[in-house]
N, C-alpha and C. Protein backbone atom coordinates (compact mmCIF):
# COMPACT_ATOMS: atom_id res chain seq x y z
N MET A 1 166.68 58.31 140.01
CA MET A 1 165.02 58.28 139.85
C MET A 1 164.44 58.22 141.36
N ARG A 2 164.89 57.21 142.07
CA ARG A 2 164.14 57.23 143.37
C ARG A 2 164.45 58.45 144.19
N GLU A 3 165.98 58.69 144.02
CA GLU A 3 166.15 59.99 145.01
C GLU A 3 165.31 61.27 144.60
N ARG A 4 165.26 61.43 143.28
CA ARG A 4 164.52 62.55 142.94
C ARG A 4 162.99 62.52 143.41
N LEU A 5 162.46 61.52 143.31
CA LEU A 5 161.20 61.16 143.80
C LEU A 5 160.92 61.41 145.30
N PHE A 6 162.00 60.85 146.09
CA PHE A 6 162.20 61.14 147.45
C PHE A 6 162.13 62.61 147.79
N ASN A 7 162.97 63.31 147.14
CA ASN A 7 163.11 64.67 147.30
C ASN A 7 161.97 65.56 147.01
N LEU A 8 161.25 65.07 145.99
CA LEU A 8 159.99 65.71 145.77
C LEU A 8 158.84 65.64 146.88
N VAL A 9 158.95 64.43 147.45
CA VAL A 9 157.84 64.00 148.53
C VAL A 9 158.28 64.85 149.74
N VAL A 10 159.57 64.92 150.07
CA VAL A 10 160.08 65.49 151.18
C VAL A 10 159.66 67.09 151.07
N ALA A 11 159.96 67.74 149.75
CA ALA A 11 159.56 68.96 149.59
C ALA A 11 158.09 69.23 149.96
N ALA A 12 157.26 68.18 149.19
CA ALA A 12 155.72 68.66 149.32
C ALA A 12 155.42 68.41 150.94
N GLY A 13 155.86 67.54 151.63
CA GLY A 13 155.61 67.31 153.04
C GLY A 13 156.01 68.53 153.78
N LEU A 14 157.09 69.19 153.37
CA LEU A 14 157.63 70.26 154.22
C LEU A 14 156.64 71.57 153.91
N GLY A 15 156.20 71.59 152.67
CA GLY A 15 155.27 72.72 152.21
C GLY A 15 154.04 72.47 153.17
N LEU A 16 153.58 71.24 152.99
CA LEU A 16 152.15 71.09 153.82
C LEU A 16 152.39 71.32 155.41
N ALA A 17 153.50 70.89 155.83
CA ALA A 17 153.79 71.15 157.38
C ALA A 17 153.87 72.67 157.67
N ALA A 18 154.45 73.47 156.79
CA ALA A 18 154.50 74.93 157.04
C ALA A 18 153.19 75.40 156.99
N THR A 19 152.17 75.28 156.11
CA THR A 19 150.87 75.48 156.17
C THR A 19 150.18 75.28 157.32
N CYS A 20 150.46 74.13 157.89
CA CYS A 20 149.69 73.55 159.11
C CYS A 20 150.21 74.32 160.49
N ALA A 21 151.36 74.74 160.43
CA ALA A 21 152.17 75.33 161.59
C ALA A 21 151.63 76.44 162.09
N GLN A 22 150.58 77.14 161.38
CA GLN A 22 150.09 78.38 162.00
C GLN A 22 149.45 78.08 163.39
N ALA A 23 149.93 78.66 164.27
CA ALA A 23 149.03 78.59 165.63
C ALA A 23 148.35 79.87 165.90
N GLN A 24 147.20 79.56 166.66
CA GLN A 24 146.42 80.54 167.19
C GLN A 24 147.13 81.45 168.25
N ILE A 25 146.91 82.80 168.34
CA ILE A 25 147.52 83.59 169.28
C ILE A 25 146.44 84.22 170.17
N TYR A 26 146.65 84.26 171.52
CA TYR A 26 145.61 84.59 172.39
C TYR A 26 146.15 86.05 172.74
N LYS A 27 145.34 87.18 172.88
CA LYS A 27 145.67 88.40 173.60
C LYS A 27 144.89 88.23 174.80
N CYS A 28 145.58 88.48 176.10
CA CYS A 28 144.79 88.29 177.30
C CYS A 28 145.29 89.62 178.05
N VAL A 29 144.21 90.21 178.74
CA VAL A 29 144.48 91.36 179.42
C VAL A 29 143.95 91.07 181.08
N ASP A 30 145.05 91.01 181.89
CA ASP A 30 144.91 90.71 183.16
C ASP A 30 144.22 91.74 184.05
N ALA A 31 144.09 91.47 185.33
CA ALA A 31 143.30 92.50 186.35
C ALA A 31 143.96 93.78 186.37
N GLY A 32 145.29 93.65 185.97
CA GLY A 32 146.04 94.93 186.26
C GLY A 32 146.08 95.65 185.13
N GLY A 33 145.50 95.30 183.94
CA GLY A 33 145.51 96.01 182.87
C GLY A 33 146.59 95.81 181.76
N LYS A 34 147.38 94.80 182.19
CA LYS A 34 148.57 94.47 181.49
C LYS A 34 148.22 93.46 180.40
N THR A 35 148.62 93.72 179.17
CA THR A 35 148.38 92.89 177.97
C THR A 35 149.50 91.84 177.83
N VAL A 36 149.06 90.56 177.52
CA VAL A 36 149.99 89.46 177.38
C VAL A 36 149.43 88.55 176.21
N TYR A 37 150.26 88.33 175.35
CA TYR A 37 150.13 87.33 174.12
C TYR A 37 150.62 86.03 174.47
N SER A 38 149.91 84.95 174.12
CA SER A 38 150.44 83.58 174.29
C SER A 38 149.79 82.62 173.32
N GLN A 39 150.36 81.53 173.27
CA GLN A 39 149.77 80.42 172.30
C GLN A 39 148.72 79.55 173.12
N SER A 40 148.87 79.78 174.35
CA SER A 40 147.73 79.03 175.14
C SER A 40 146.70 79.87 175.46
N PRO A 41 145.41 79.29 175.69
CA PRO A 41 144.24 80.15 176.24
C PRO A 41 144.50 80.68 177.51
N CYS A 42 143.69 82.07 177.67
CA CYS A 42 143.93 82.64 178.69
C CYS A 42 143.45 82.09 179.90
N PRO A 43 144.03 82.43 181.08
CA PRO A 43 143.38 81.91 182.43
C PRO A 43 141.92 82.48 182.54
N THR A 44 141.05 81.47 183.20
CA THR A 44 139.76 82.18 183.40
C THR A 44 139.66 83.48 184.10
N GLY A 45 138.79 84.47 184.06
CA GLY A 45 138.68 85.60 184.71
C GLY A 45 139.42 86.64 183.94
N GLU A 46 140.15 86.45 182.96
CA GLU A 46 140.78 87.36 182.14
C GLU A 46 140.18 87.68 180.98
N LYS A 47 140.20 88.96 180.47
CA LYS A 47 139.60 89.22 179.05
C LYS A 47 140.48 88.71 178.02
N SER A 48 139.89 87.97 177.24
CA SER A 48 140.61 87.40 176.17
C SER A 48 140.15 87.59 174.65
N ARG A 49 141.02 87.51 173.91
CA ARG A 49 140.65 87.63 172.29
C ARG A 49 141.55 86.66 171.48
N VAL A 50 141.07 86.13 170.62
CA VAL A 50 141.87 85.30 169.54
C VAL A 50 142.30 86.07 168.35
N ILE A 51 143.61 85.96 168.11
CA ILE A 51 144.06 86.79 166.98
C ILE A 51 144.32 85.79 165.76
N THR A 52 143.78 85.91 164.68
CA THR A 52 144.00 84.77 163.63
C THR A 52 144.86 85.74 162.77
N ALA A 53 145.75 84.95 161.96
CA ALA A 53 146.63 85.44 160.91
C ALA A 53 145.81 85.99 159.67
N PRO A 54 146.22 87.16 159.22
CA PRO A 54 145.46 87.65 157.92
C PRO A 54 145.62 86.56 156.80
N GLU A 55 144.77 86.52 155.84
CA GLU A 55 144.90 85.58 154.62
C GLU A 55 145.88 86.24 153.75
N ALA A 56 146.70 85.08 153.21
CA ALA A 56 147.83 85.52 152.33
C ALA A 56 147.20 86.18 151.11
N ALA A 57 147.99 87.09 150.49
CA ALA A 57 147.57 87.82 149.27
C ALA A 57 147.53 86.67 148.32
N PRO A 58 146.57 86.90 147.20
CA PRO A 58 146.54 86.02 146.15
C PRO A 58 147.83 86.04 145.14
N SER A 59 148.16 84.91 144.77
CA SER A 59 149.26 84.87 143.76
C SER A 59 149.40 85.86 142.72
N ALA A 60 150.43 86.46 142.39
CA ALA A 60 150.46 87.26 141.28
C ALA A 60 150.36 86.74 139.94
N LYS A 61 150.78 85.34 139.94
CA LYS A 61 150.62 84.55 138.76
C LYS A 61 149.11 84.34 138.23
N ALA A 62 148.19 84.47 139.25
CA ALA A 62 146.77 84.46 138.81
C ALA A 62 146.16 85.23 137.94
N GLY A 63 146.79 86.60 138.02
CA GLY A 63 146.23 87.74 137.34
C GLY A 63 147.02 87.80 135.93
N THR A 64 148.20 87.39 135.81
CA THR A 64 148.86 87.60 134.68
C THR A 64 148.21 86.95 133.40
N LYS A 65 148.36 87.59 132.31
CA LYS A 65 147.83 87.01 130.92
C LYS A 65 148.67 86.29 130.10
N SER A 66 148.22 85.54 129.43
CA SER A 66 148.91 84.51 128.62
C SER A 66 149.66 85.44 127.47
N ALA A 67 150.69 84.76 126.75
CA ALA A 67 151.33 85.54 125.70
C ALA A 67 150.42 85.93 124.65
N ALA A 68 149.62 85.01 124.21
CA ALA A 68 148.53 85.44 123.12
C ALA A 68 147.67 86.57 123.47
N ASP A 69 147.21 86.46 124.80
CA ASP A 69 146.44 87.71 125.23
C ASP A 69 147.16 88.97 125.22
N GLN A 70 148.42 88.92 125.58
CA GLN A 70 149.30 90.15 125.69
C GLN A 70 149.45 90.75 124.21
N ASP A 71 149.61 89.72 123.36
CA ASP A 71 149.92 90.11 121.80
C ASP A 71 148.77 90.60 121.47
N PHE A 72 147.50 90.15 121.71
CA PHE A 72 146.31 90.72 121.28
C PHE A 72 146.08 92.05 121.66
N ASP A 73 146.40 92.31 123.04
CA ASP A 73 146.08 93.62 123.61
C ASP A 73 147.21 94.64 122.88
N PHE A 74 148.28 94.16 122.74
CA PHE A 74 149.34 94.93 122.04
C PHE A 74 148.82 95.46 120.74
N ARG A 75 148.33 94.56 119.99
CA ARG A 75 147.94 94.64 118.65
C ARG A 75 146.79 95.58 118.64
N LYS A 76 145.85 95.44 119.55
CA LYS A 76 144.74 96.31 119.62
C LYS A 76 145.10 97.85 120.10
N ARG A 77 145.85 97.93 121.10
CA ARG A 77 146.25 99.29 121.26
C ARG A 77 146.99 99.99 120.16
N GLN A 78 147.86 99.13 119.21
CA GLN A 78 148.60 99.67 118.05
C GLN A 78 147.65 100.19 117.09
N LYS A 79 146.63 99.30 116.87
CA LYS A 79 145.53 99.61 115.87
C LYS A 79 144.87 100.91 116.26
N GLU A 80 144.55 101.02 117.46
CA GLU A 80 143.82 102.33 118.07
C GLU A 80 144.79 103.48 117.97
N ARG A 81 145.95 103.42 118.24
CA ARG A 81 146.73 104.53 118.04
C ARG A 81 146.95 104.89 116.52
N ASP A 82 147.09 103.91 115.71
CA ASP A 82 147.31 104.22 114.35
C ASP A 82 145.99 104.91 113.84
N VAL A 83 144.87 104.45 114.35
CA VAL A 83 143.68 105.13 113.87
C VAL A 83 143.62 106.80 114.43
N ALA A 84 143.89 106.75 115.77
CA ALA A 84 143.98 108.13 116.29
C ALA A 84 145.01 109.20 115.65
N GLU A 85 146.17 108.47 115.15
CA GLU A 85 147.16 109.37 114.34
C GLU A 85 146.49 109.66 113.08
N LYS A 86 145.93 108.87 112.41
CA LYS A 86 145.54 109.23 110.99
C LYS A 86 144.35 110.26 111.19
N LYS A 87 143.40 110.03 112.21
CA LYS A 87 142.39 111.20 112.49
C LYS A 87 143.13 112.37 112.69
N SER A 88 144.06 112.43 113.48
CA SER A 88 144.82 113.73 113.85
C SER A 88 145.47 114.36 112.68
N ALA A 89 145.93 113.45 111.99
CA ALA A 89 146.62 114.09 110.60
C ALA A 89 145.45 114.56 109.63
N ALA A 90 144.33 113.97 109.49
CA ALA A 90 143.44 114.36 108.60
C ALA A 90 142.72 115.86 109.22
N GLN A 91 142.75 115.93 110.61
CA GLN A 91 142.27 117.13 111.21
C GLN A 91 143.26 118.18 111.00
N ALA A 92 144.50 118.03 111.12
CA ALA A 92 145.53 119.06 110.87
C ALA A 92 145.52 119.31 109.29
N ALA A 93 145.54 118.43 108.41
CA ALA A 93 145.40 118.85 107.02
C ALA A 93 144.25 119.70 106.64
N ASP A 94 142.99 119.33 107.26
CA ASP A 94 141.90 120.21 107.17
C ASP A 94 141.85 121.47 107.67
N GLU A 95 142.67 121.68 108.92
CA GLU A 95 142.83 122.89 109.41
C GLU A 95 143.63 123.72 108.65
N LYS A 96 144.82 123.26 108.12
CA LYS A 96 145.73 124.00 107.28
C LYS A 96 145.12 124.47 105.98
N ARG A 97 144.09 123.55 105.26
CA ARG A 97 143.37 124.01 104.08
C ARG A 97 142.56 125.16 104.29
N ARG A 98 141.92 125.06 105.52
CA ARG A 98 141.00 126.16 105.87
C ARG A 98 141.80 127.50 106.07
N GLU A 99 142.93 127.27 106.81
CA GLU A 99 143.68 128.49 106.94
C GLU A 99 144.17 129.09 105.64
N GLU A 100 144.56 128.41 104.54
CA GLU A 100 144.98 128.88 103.37
C GLU A 100 143.82 129.46 102.66
N ASP A 101 142.54 128.85 102.56
CA ASP A 101 141.32 129.52 102.02
C ASP A 101 141.20 130.69 102.42
N CYS A 102 141.29 130.97 103.99
CA CYS A 102 140.99 132.21 104.64
C CYS A 102 141.96 133.17 104.13
N LYS A 103 143.26 132.86 104.15
CA LYS A 103 144.26 133.73 103.69
C LYS A 103 144.07 134.32 102.28
N ARG A 104 143.67 133.15 101.33
CA ARG A 104 143.52 133.70 99.84
C ARG A 104 142.12 134.65 100.00
N ALA A 105 141.06 134.45 100.69
CA ALA A 105 139.91 135.24 100.62
C ALA A 105 140.18 136.69 101.26
N ARG A 106 141.05 136.67 102.18
CA ARG A 106 141.52 137.94 102.63
C ARG A 106 142.29 138.79 101.62
N GLU A 107 143.19 138.13 101.08
CA GLU A 107 144.12 138.75 100.20
C GLU A 107 143.19 139.29 98.85
N ALA A 108 142.17 138.58 98.62
CA ALA A 108 141.27 138.95 97.53
C ALA A 108 140.37 140.25 97.96
N LEU A 109 139.92 140.23 99.19
CA LEU A 109 139.15 141.39 99.73
C LEU A 109 140.06 142.49 99.84
N ALA A 110 141.38 142.34 100.15
CA ALA A 110 142.09 143.58 100.30
C ALA A 110 142.53 144.15 99.08
N GLN A 111 142.62 143.19 98.04
CA GLN A 111 142.89 143.72 96.44
C GLN A 111 141.80 144.61 96.07
N TYR A 112 140.43 144.17 96.36
CA TYR A 112 139.18 144.99 96.00
C TYR A 112 139.08 146.09 96.78
N GLN A 113 139.51 146.29 98.02
CA GLN A 113 139.36 147.35 98.73
C GLN A 113 140.25 148.41 98.75
N LEU A 114 141.48 148.24 97.94
CA LEU A 114 142.47 149.01 97.79
C LEU A 114 141.91 149.88 96.61
N GLY A 115 141.18 149.52 95.80
CA GLY A 115 140.79 150.30 94.69
C GLY A 115 141.62 150.32 93.45
N GLY A 116 141.39 151.28 92.67
CA GLY A 116 142.35 151.29 91.50
C GLY A 116 141.65 150.40 90.21
N ARG A 117 142.59 150.28 89.37
CA ARG A 117 142.14 149.51 88.05
C ARG A 117 142.33 148.10 88.46
N ILE A 118 141.38 147.36 88.16
CA ILE A 118 141.58 145.66 88.37
C ILE A 118 141.13 145.02 87.16
N SER A 119 142.12 144.14 86.62
CA SER A 119 141.73 143.55 85.36
C SER A 119 141.65 142.09 85.57
N LYS A 120 140.99 141.44 84.59
CA LYS A 120 140.65 140.01 84.61
C LYS A 120 140.88 139.38 83.16
N ILE A 121 140.95 138.27 83.01
CA ILE A 121 141.11 137.48 81.75
C ILE A 121 139.73 136.85 81.30
N ASP A 122 139.30 137.09 80.19
CA ASP A 122 137.88 136.51 79.90
C ASP A 122 138.02 135.18 79.16
N ASP A 123 137.00 134.46 78.52
CA ASP A 123 137.13 133.32 78.21
C ASP A 123 138.06 133.01 77.04
N LYS A 124 138.22 134.10 76.12
CA LYS A 124 138.98 134.15 75.02
C LYS A 124 140.61 134.43 75.16
N GLY A 125 140.79 134.57 76.53
CA GLY A 125 142.10 134.85 76.98
C GLY A 125 142.53 136.42 76.92
N GLU A 126 141.58 137.23 76.67
CA GLU A 126 141.94 138.60 76.49
C GLU A 126 141.62 139.28 77.98
N ARG A 127 142.44 140.38 78.07
CA ARG A 127 142.51 141.03 79.35
C ARG A 127 141.40 142.04 79.37
N TYR A 128 140.52 142.34 80.31
CA TYR A 128 139.58 143.41 80.49
C TYR A 128 139.74 144.07 81.83
N PHE A 129 139.23 145.36 81.83
CA PHE A 129 139.25 145.93 83.29
C PHE A 129 137.85 146.20 83.72
N LEU A 130 137.82 145.81 85.16
CA LEU A 130 136.45 145.90 85.71
C LEU A 130 135.94 147.43 86.06
N GLY A 131 134.68 147.68 85.90
CA GLY A 131 134.20 148.84 86.13
C GLY A 131 133.99 149.11 87.68
N GLU A 132 133.53 150.23 88.15
CA GLU A 132 133.23 150.57 89.57
C GLU A 132 132.23 149.52 90.03
N ASP A 133 131.10 149.29 89.31
CA ASP A 133 129.98 148.42 89.58
C ASP A 133 130.41 147.02 89.94
N GLU A 134 131.40 146.52 88.75
CA GLU A 134 131.68 145.15 88.90
C GLU A 134 132.86 145.07 90.00
N ILE A 135 133.54 146.04 90.43
CA ILE A 135 134.44 145.95 91.51
C ILE A 135 133.81 145.88 92.80
N SER A 136 132.69 146.72 92.89
CA SER A 136 131.85 146.73 94.25
C SER A 136 131.23 145.43 94.47
N GLN A 137 130.53 144.80 93.31
CA GLN A 137 130.06 143.37 93.27
C GLN A 137 131.17 142.23 93.79
N GLU A 138 132.38 142.48 93.13
CA GLU A 138 133.39 141.44 93.88
C GLU A 138 133.92 141.64 95.06
N ARG A 139 133.83 142.99 95.49
CA ARG A 139 134.27 143.15 96.73
C ARG A 139 133.28 142.61 97.80
N ASP A 140 131.92 142.73 97.41
CA ASP A 140 130.99 142.07 98.39
C ASP A 140 130.94 140.58 98.10
N LYS A 141 131.38 139.99 97.11
CA LYS A 141 131.64 138.62 97.00
C LYS A 141 132.84 138.01 97.91
N ALA A 142 133.94 138.98 97.97
CA ALA A 142 135.16 138.64 98.65
C ALA A 142 134.81 138.63 100.06
N GLN A 143 133.98 139.65 100.44
CA GLN A 143 133.74 139.81 101.94
C GLN A 143 132.87 138.65 102.33
N ALA A 144 132.00 138.26 101.54
CA ALA A 144 131.14 136.93 101.84
C ALA A 144 132.15 135.79 101.98
N ALA A 145 133.13 135.60 101.09
CA ALA A 145 134.05 134.58 101.11
C ALA A 145 134.87 134.66 102.44
N VAL A 146 135.17 135.79 102.87
CA VAL A 146 136.03 135.92 104.01
C VAL A 146 135.09 135.42 105.38
N SER A 147 133.78 135.87 105.27
CA SER A 147 133.03 135.78 106.36
C SER A 147 132.67 134.13 106.33
N GLN A 148 132.67 133.49 105.27
CA GLN A 148 132.49 132.14 105.19
C GLN A 148 133.73 131.11 105.62
N THR A 149 134.84 131.46 105.08
CA THR A 149 136.11 130.64 105.27
C THR A 149 136.77 130.97 106.49
N CYS A 150 136.57 132.14 107.14
CA CYS A 150 137.44 132.59 108.40
C CYS A 150 136.46 132.52 109.52
N LYS A 151 135.45 131.55 109.70
CA LYS A 151 134.56 131.57 110.86
C LYS A 151 135.35 131.53 112.12
N GLY A 152 136.43 130.52 112.24
CA GLY A 152 136.92 130.19 113.57
C GLY A 152 138.06 131.15 113.63
N SER A 153 138.56 131.86 112.81
CA SER A 153 139.83 132.54 113.02
C SER A 153 139.58 134.00 113.54
């Protein structure tokens, strides 16, 4: 136990001694223009400047987050990603539905533009044929449907 305590005190002392061991460095320029670096002050009459050591960079551990914070951030990013994926899937489904509606409207318009005899089923389940006026009205409705559903296409 005493040996462990002694080792701890020695290590702490060496750590403190290392931080105190920083010496000032002097940059001296003599009369001949020669630059000299030394630990002692420059002789009088020479141009001098004291150079200090730069500050140590802050410890990397100071900026690290705790495990709970990292877990919270992870779950937050995961939730945001899930919301974005759901939104993207909804937009894709909506776009697909609009494309199908546009396709059906164009097919209906093409059917009315071809002409010929067009039949429909009435409320009683019986088939009847459209006249020219009815075909013209249905063609106009189909054209309006294409204009409405195929805006972006």
